[in-house]
C-alpha atoms as a PDB file:
ATOM      1  CA  MET A   1      83.311 -17.618 -77.664  1.00  0.00           C
ATOM      2  CA  ARG A   2      82.805 -16.944 -73.939  1.00  0.00           C
ATOM      3  CA  ASP A   3      81.623 -19.556 -71.539  1.00  0.00           C
ATOM      4  CA  PRO A   4      78.218 -18.444 -70.293  1.00  0.00           C
ATOM      5  CA  GLU A   5      78.857 -19.318 -66.696  1.00  0.00           C
ATOM      6  CA  GLN A   6      82.169 -17.552 -66.691  1.00  0.00           C
ATOM      7  CA  THR A   7      80.431 -14.497 -68.230  1.00  0.00           C
ATOM      8  CA  ARG A   8      77.726 -14.632 -65.603  1.00  0.00           C
ATOM      9  CA  GLN A   9      80.347 -14.712 -62.794  1.00  0.00           C
ATOM     10  CA  LEU A  10      82.252 -11.874 -64.284  1.00  0.00           C
ATOM     11  CA  ILE A  11      79.082  -9.831 -64.441  1.00  0.00           C
ATOM     12  CA  LEU A  12      78.277 -10.562 -60.769  1.00  0.00           C
ATOM     13  CA  GLU A  13      81.936  -9.708 -59.697  1.00  0.00           C
ATOM     14  CA  VAL A  14      82.021  -6.508 -61.588  1.00  0.00           C
ATOM     15  CA  SER A  15      78.530  -5.485 -60.533  1.00  0.00           C
ATOM     16  CA  GLY A  16      79.427  -6.238 -56.938  1.00  0.00           C
ATOM     17  CA  ASP A  17      82.577  -3.965 -57.174  1.00  0.00           C
ATOM     18  CA  GLU A  18      80.476  -1.226 -58.777  1.00  0.00           C
ATOM     19  CA  ILE A  19      77.588  -1.442 -56.256  1.00  0.00           C
ATOM     20  CA  ARG A  20      80.190  -1.421 -53.385  1.00  0.00           C
ATOM     21  CA  LYS A  21      81.790   1.773 -54.713  1.00  0.00           C
ATOM     22  CA  ASN A  22      78.786   3.714 -55.909  1.00  0.00           C
ATOM     23  CA  GLY A  23      75.564   2.147 -54.359  1.00  0.00           C
ATOM     24  CA  PHE A  24      72.955   0.185 -56.353  1.00  0.00           C
ATOM     25  CA  GLN A  25      71.065   3.152 -57.712  1.00  0.00           C
ATOM     26  CA  ALA A  26      74.081   5.011 -58.989  1.00  0.00           C
ATOM     27  CA  THR A  27      75.625   1.853 -60.435  1.00  0.00           C
ATOM     28  CA  SER A  28      75.577   2.258 -64.241  1.00  0.00           C
ATOM     29  CA  LEU A  29      74.863  -0.845 -66.552  1.00  0.00           C
ATOM     30  CA  SER A  30      76.886   0.775 -69.213  1.00  0.00           C
ATOM     31  CA  THR A  31      79.958   0.784 -66.907  1.00  0.00           C
ATOM     32  CA  ILE A  32      79.319  -2.910 -66.119  1.00  0.00           C
ATOM     33  CA  LEU A  33      79.028  -3.613 -69.859  1.00  0.00           C
ATOM     34  CA  SER A  34      82.183  -1.800 -70.588  1.00  0.00           C
ATOM     35  CA  ARG A  35      84.216  -3.366 -67.721  1.00  0.00           C
ATOM     36  CA  CYS A  36      82.960  -6.875 -68.778  1.00  0.00           C
ATOM     37  CA  ASN A  37      83.436  -6.203 -72.330  1.00  0.00           C
ATOM     38  CA  ILE A  38      80.070  -7.654 -73.199  1.00  0.00           C
ATOM     39  CA  SER A  39      76.897  -6.525 -75.069  1.00  0.00           C
ATOM     40  CA  LYS A  40      73.683  -5.443 -73.489  1.00  0.00           C
ATOM     41  CA  GLY A  41      72.159  -8.801 -74.902  1.00  0.00           C
ATOM     42  CA  ALA A  42      74.735 -10.817 -73.109  1.00  0.00           C
ATOM     43  CA  LEU A  43      73.784  -9.036 -69.845  1.00  0.00           C
ATOM     44  CA  TYR A  44      70.167  -9.570 -70.274  1.00  0.00           C
ATOM     45  CA  HIS A  45      70.629 -13.163 -71.263  1.00  0.00           C
ATOM     46  CA  HIS A  46      71.655 -13.785 -67.717  1.00  0.00           C
ATOM     47  CA  PHE A  47      69.532 -11.094 -65.818  1.00  0.00           C
ATOM     48  CA  ALA A  48      66.150  -9.839 -66.798  1.00  0.00           C
ATOM     49  CA  ASN A  49      66.813  -6.330 -65.368  1.00  0.00           C
ATOM     50  CA  LYS A  50      68.978  -4.310 -63.019  1.00  0.00           C
ATOM     51  CA  HIS A  51      67.067  -5.404 -59.895  1.00  0.00           C
ATOM     52  CA  GLU A  52      67.396  -9.008 -60.794  1.00  0.00           C
ATOM     53  CA  LEU A  53      71.138  -8.457 -61.198  1.00  0.00           C
ATOM     54  CA  GLY A  54      71.253  -6.648 -57.828  1.00  0.00           C
ATOM     55  CA  TYR A  55      69.429  -9.519 -56.079  1.00  0.00           C
ATOM     56  CA  ALA A  56      71.938 -11.981 -57.552  1.00  0.00           C
ATOM     57  CA  VAL A  57      74.848  -9.786 -56.327  1.00  0.00           C
ATOM     58  CA  VAL A  58      73.441  -9.858 -52.740  1.00  0.00           C
ATOM     59  CA  GLU A  59      72.752 -13.623 -52.751  1.00  0.00           C
ATOM     60  CA  GLU A  60      75.769 -14.922 -54.726  1.00  0.00           C
ATOM     61  CA  VAL A  61      78.502 -12.233 -53.904  1.00  0.00           C
ATOM     62  CA  PHE A  62      77.971 -10.222 -50.890  1.00  0.00           C
ATOM     63  CA  THR A  63      76.258 -12.745 -48.621  1.00  0.00           C
ATOM     64  CA  PRO A  64      78.821 -15.624 -49.012  1.00  0.00           C
ATOM     65  CA  MET A  65      81.649 -13.051 -48.793  1.00  0.00           C
ATOM     66  CA  PHE A  66      80.101 -11.597 -45.586  1.00  0.00           C
ATOM     67  CA  LEU A  67      79.554 -14.872 -43.914  1.00  0.00           C
ATOM     68  CA  ALA A  68      83.023 -16.146 -44.934  1.00  0.00           C
ATOM     69  CA  THR A  69      84.474 -12.985 -43.431  1.00  0.00           C
ATOM     70  CA  TRP A  70      82.918 -13.749 -39.982  1.00  0.00           C
ATOM     71  CA  GLU A  71      83.079 -17.527 -39.915  1.00  0.00           C
ATOM     72  CA  PRO A  72      86.844 -17.967 -39.109  1.00  0.00           C
ATOM     73  CA  ALA A  73      86.474 -15.768 -36.050  1.00  0.00           C
ATOM     74  CA  VAL A  74      83.399 -17.401 -34.556  1.00  0.00           C
ATOM     75  CA  THR A  75      84.404 -21.040 -35.226  1.00  0.00           C
ATOM     76  CA  GLN A  76      87.655 -20.733 -33.328  1.00  0.00           C
ATOM     77  CA  ALA A  77      87.904 -22.692 -30.029  1.00  0.00           C
ATOM     78  CA  ASP A  78      87.162 -19.431 -28.092  1.00  0.00           C
ATOM     79  CA  PRO A  79      84.663 -17.477 -30.293  1.00  0.00           C
ATOM     80  CA  LEU A  80      84.894 -14.418 -28.110  1.00  0.00           C
ATOM     81  CA  GLU A  81      88.703 -14.204 -28.538  1.00  0.00           C
ATOM     82  CA  GLY A  82      88.258 -14.918 -32.285  1.00  0.00           C
ATOM     83  CA  LEU A  83      85.788 -11.948 -32.582  1.00  0.00           C
ATOM     84  CA  CYS A  84      87.996  -9.642 -30.711  1.00  0.00           C
ATOM     85  CA  ASN A  85      90.966 -10.669 -32.867  1.00  0.00           C
ATOM     86  CA  PHE A  86      88.778 -10.187 -35.890  1.00  0.00           C
ATOM     87  CA  PHE A  87      87.714  -6.692 -34.875  1.00  0.00           C
ATOM     88  CA  HIS A  88      91.354  -5.714 -33.909  1.00  0.00           C
ATOM     89  CA  ALA A  89      92.612  -6.836 -37.366  1.00  0.00           C
ATOM     90  CA  ALA A  90      89.752  -5.023 -39.061  1.00  0.00           C
ATOM     91  CA  ALA A  91      90.643  -1.778 -37.186  1.00  0.00           C
ATOM     92  CA  ASN A  92      94.293  -1.955 -37.996  1.00  0.00           C
ATOM     93  CA  ASP A  93      94.059  -3.317 -41.532  1.00  0.00           C
ATOM     94  CA  MET A  94      91.235  -1.044 -42.802  1.00  0.00           C
ATOM     95  CA  SER A  95      92.525   0.716 -45.963  1.00  0.00           C
ATOM     96  CA  CYS A  96      91.558   4.264 -46.956  1.00  0.00           C
ATOM     97  CA  GLU A  97      89.154   2.703 -49.654  1.00  0.00           C
ATOM     98  CA  ASP A  98      87.460   0.726 -46.887  1.00  0.00           C
ATOM     99  CA  VAL A  99      86.955   3.795 -44.777  1.00  0.00           C
ATOM    100  CA  VAL A 100      85.465   5.641 -47.759  1.00  0.00           C
ATOM    101  CA  CYS A 101      83.408   2.719 -49.148  1.00  0.00           C
ATOM    102  CA  GLY A 102      82.232   1.117 -45.858  1.00  0.00           C
ATOM    103  CA  CYS A 103      80.622  -2.380 -45.714  1.00  0.00           C
ATOM    104  CA  PRO A 104      78.967  -3.207 -48.996  1.00  0.00           C
ATOM    105  CA  LEU A 105      76.018  -5.070 -47.408  1.00  0.00           C
ATOM    106  CA  ASN A 106      75.467  -2.397 -44.785  1.00  0.00           C
ATOM    107  CA  ASN A 107      75.606   0.273 -47.472  1.00  0.00           C
ATOM    108  CA  LEU A 108      73.176  -1.638 -49.655  1.00  0.00           C
ATOM    109  CA  CYS A 109      70.795  -2.280 -46.760  1.00  0.00           C
ATOM    110  CA  LEU A 110      70.799   1.476 -45.811  1.00  0.00           C
ATOM    111  CA  GLU A 111      70.170   2.503 -49.489  1.00  0.00           C
ATOM    112  CA  MET A 112      67.676  -0.049 -50.684  1.00  0.00           C
ATOM    113  CA  ALA A 113      65.806  -1.816 -47.800  1.00  0.00           C
ATOM    114  CA  SER A 114      63.302   0.994 -47.364  1.00  0.00           C
ATOM    115  CA  VAL A 115      62.652   1.357 -51.075  1.00  0.00           C
ATOM    116  CA  ASP A 116      62.591  -2.203 -52.451  1.00  0.00           C
ATOM    117  CA  GLU A 117      61.069  -5.279 -50.802  1.00  0.00           C
ATOM    118  CA  GLY A 118      63.360  -7.729 -52.624  1.00  0.00           C
ATOM    119  CA  PHE A 119      66.488  -6.041 -51.238  1.00  0.00           C
ATOM    120  CA  ARG A 120      64.996  -5.900 -47.789  1.00  0.00           C
ATOM    121  CA  LEU A 121      64.240  -9.513 -47.674  1.00  0.00           C
ATOM    122  CA  ARG A 122      67.568 -10.521 -48.973  1.00  0.00           C
ATOM    123  CA  THR A 123      69.486  -8.402 -46.516  1.00  0.00           C
ATOM    124  CA  LEU A 124      67.309  -9.693 -43.746  1.00  0.00           C
ATOM    125  CA  MET A 125      68.012 -13.287 -44.763  1.00  0.00           C
ATOM    126  CA  MET A 126      71.788 -12.509 -44.763  1.00  0.00           C
ATOM    127  CA  GLN A 127      71.530 -11.034 -41.297  1.00  0.00           C
ATOM    128  CA  GLN A 128      69.624 -13.940 -40.023  1.00  0.00           C
ATOM    129  CA  LYS A 129      72.221 -16.343 -41.405  1.00  0.00           C
ATOM    130  CA  LEU A 130      75.020 -14.374 -39.744  1.00  0.00           C
ATOM    131  CA  ASN A 131      73.018 -14.203 -36.488  1.00  0.00           C
ATOM    132  CA  THR A 132      72.749 -17.991 -36.511  1.00  0.00           C
ATOM    133  CA  LEU A 133      76.333 -18.479 -37.155  1.00  0.00           C
ATOM    134  CA  ILE A 134      77.374 -16.237 -34.238  1.00  0.00           C
ATOM    135  CA  SER A 135      74.746 -17.382 -31.833  1.00  0.00           C
ATOM    136  CA  GLU A 136      75.344 -21.085 -32.433  1.00  0.00           C
ATOM    137  CA  ASN A 137      79.078 -20.693 -31.847  1.00  0.00           C
ATOM    138  CA  LEU A 138      78.454 -18.679 -28.597  1.00  0.00           C
ATOM    139  CA  ARG A 139      76.103 -21.444 -27.503  1.00  0.00           C
ATOM    140  CA  ARG A 140      78.878 -23.977 -28.182  1.00  0.00           C
ATOM    141  CA  VAL A 141      80.882 -22.395 -25.349  1.00  0.00           C
ATOM    142  CA  SER A 142      77.932 -21.646 -23.026  1.00  0.00           C
ATOM    143  CA  ASP A 143      79.720 -23.266 -20.072  1.00  0.00           C
ATOM    144  CA  GLN A 144      82.180 -20.353 -20.160  1.00  0.00           C
ATOM    145  CA  LEU A 145      79.662 -17.580 -20.554  1.00  0.00           C
ATOM    146  CA  ARG A 146      77.270 -15.757 -18.105  1.00  0.00           C
ATOM    147  CA  ASN A 147      73.932 -17.479 -17.487  1.00  0.00           C
ATOM    148  CA  ASP A 148      71.885 -14.466 -18.396  1.00  0.00           C
ATOM    149  CA  ILE A 149      72.791 -14.314 -22.108  1.00  0.00           C
ATOM    150  CA  ASP A 150      70.304 -14.274 -24.917  1.00  0.00           C
ATOM    151  CA  TYR A 151      72.573 -15.591 -27.658  1.00  0.00           C
ATOM    152  CA  SER A 152      70.545 -14.296 -30.519  1.00  0.00           C
ATOM    153  CA  GLN A 153      70.156 -10.883 -28.990  1.00  0.00           C
ATOM    154  CA  VAL A 154      73.941 -10.619 -28.158  1.00  0.00           C
ATOM    155  CA  ALA A 155      74.731 -11.714 -31.803  1.00  0.00           C
ATOM    156  CA  TYR A 156      72.595  -8.953 -33.268  1.00  0.00           C
ATOM    157  CA  PHE A 157      74.086  -6.392 -30.858  1.00  0.00           C
ATOM    158  CA  ILE A 158      77.655  -7.439 -31.907  1.00  0.00           C
ATOM    159  CA  VAL A 159      76.843  -7.121 -35.659  1.00  0.00           C
ATOM    160  CA  SER A 160      75.057  -3.857 -34.996  1.00  0.00           C
ATOM    161  CA  GLY A 161      78.146  -2.434 -33.261  1.00  0.00           C
ATOM    162  CA  PHE A 162      80.252  -3.524 -36.122  1.00  0.00           C
ATOM    163  CA  ASN A 163      77.992  -2.304 -38.874  1.00  0.00           C
ATOM    164  CA  GLY A 164      77.330   1.022 -37.006  1.00  0.00           C
ATOM    165  CA  SER A 165      81.127   1.653 -36.683  1.00  0.00           C
ATOM    166  CA  THR A 166      81.697   1.073 -40.379  1.00  0.00           C
ATOM    167  CA  SER A 167      78.943   3.564 -41.101  1.00  0.00           C
ATOM    168  CA  LEU A 168      80.516   6.109 -38.599  1.00  0.00           C
ATOM    169  CA  SER A 169      83.942   5.787 -40.206  1.00  0.00           C
ATOM    170  CA  LYS A 170      82.433   6.058 -43.695  1.00  0.00           C
ATOM    171  CA  GLY A 171      80.395   9.217 -42.694  1.00  0.00           C
ATOM    172  CA  THR A 172      83.224  10.910 -40.873  1.00  0.00           C
ATOM    173  CA  GLN A 173      86.177   9.541 -42.990  1.00  0.00           C
ATOM    174  CA  GLU A 174      87.848   8.815 -39.728  1.00  0.00           C
ATOM    175  CA  LYS A 175      89.519   5.421 -39.245  1.00  0.00           C
ATOM    176  CA  ALA A 176      90.261   6.373 -35.597  1.00  0.00           C
ATOM    177  CA  LEU A 177      86.621   6.350 -34.756  1.00  0.00           C
ATOM    178  CA  PHE A 178      86.220   2.840 -36.165  1.00  0.00           C
ATOM    179  CA  GLN A 179      89.306   1.687 -33.998  1.00  0.00           C
ATOM    180  CA  THR A 180      87.710   3.318 -30.851  1.00  0.00           C
ATOM    181  CA  VAL A 181      84.303   1.533 -31.258  1.00  0.00           C
ATOM    182  CA  MET A 182      85.995  -1.801 -32.039  1.00  0.00           C
ATOM    183  CA  ALA A 183      88.038  -1.569 -28.855  1.00  0.00           C
ATOM    184  CA  GLU A 184      84.841  -0.838 -26.904  1.00  0.00           C
ATOM    185  CA  LEU A 185      82.956  -3.648 -28.615  1.00  0.00           C
ATOM    186  CA  CYS A 186      85.720  -6.094 -27.523  1.00  0.00           C
ATOM    187  CA  ARG A 187      85.385  -4.863 -24.016  1.00  0.00           C
ATOM    188  CA  TYR A 188      81.628  -5.707 -24.151  1.00  0.00           C
ATOM    189  CA  ILE A 189      82.363  -9.105 -25.734  1.00  0.00           C
ATOM    190  CA  LYS A 190      84.929  -9.946 -22.984  1.00  0.00           C
ATOM    191  CA  SER A 191      82.272  -9.144 -20.366  1.00  0.00           C
ATOM    192  CA  LEU A 192      80.139 -12.030 -21.554  1.00  0.00           C
ATOM    193  CA  LYS A 193      82.605 -14.517 -19.830  1.00  0.00           C
ATOM    194  CA  ARG A 194      81.833 -15.825 -16.402  1.00  0.00           C
ATOM    195  CA  SER A 195      83.666 -13.846 -13.718  1.00  0.00           C
ATOM    196  CA  ASP A 196      84.191 -16.999 -11.551  1.00  0.00           C
END
């Protein structure tokens, strides 16, 4: 007899993996059932339908994973240096699968935000949480930064540069393009520091 909470977590993890690889609409519930080795009834015991499952994946798998990926960089003593180190590591460590698959949340947002309000609101909430995380940590070192900075605007710009470069590398299958954009993004980030 399986533990219901463990079963639910397994469904979320497998669904997250399938959505990352195939997108939400192409993700097959039968594949999820097979990979989890569960019945349709077990799936529907936890999630009323595929959309409810997708929402839970965004809220409980992708959003925490996404925030946890960025948090160590921006909470360092110098968040600008932390971000550049994070981008440098991402550019160098990106696997071939990462190049092909891209960022799961970025992919899901591009696929579903214009067709489903539930997905749009959840990806917006995730982006707002990330923006707050970055902007608050930039504000923390405001004495080291230029006076003309709008912290929220800068945070959105940084994330847009990162997400755009993952889409670029996915669309072209070229890791080198991602590396080039990350280097330029770091130049921008370093320009936020006071020159005096």
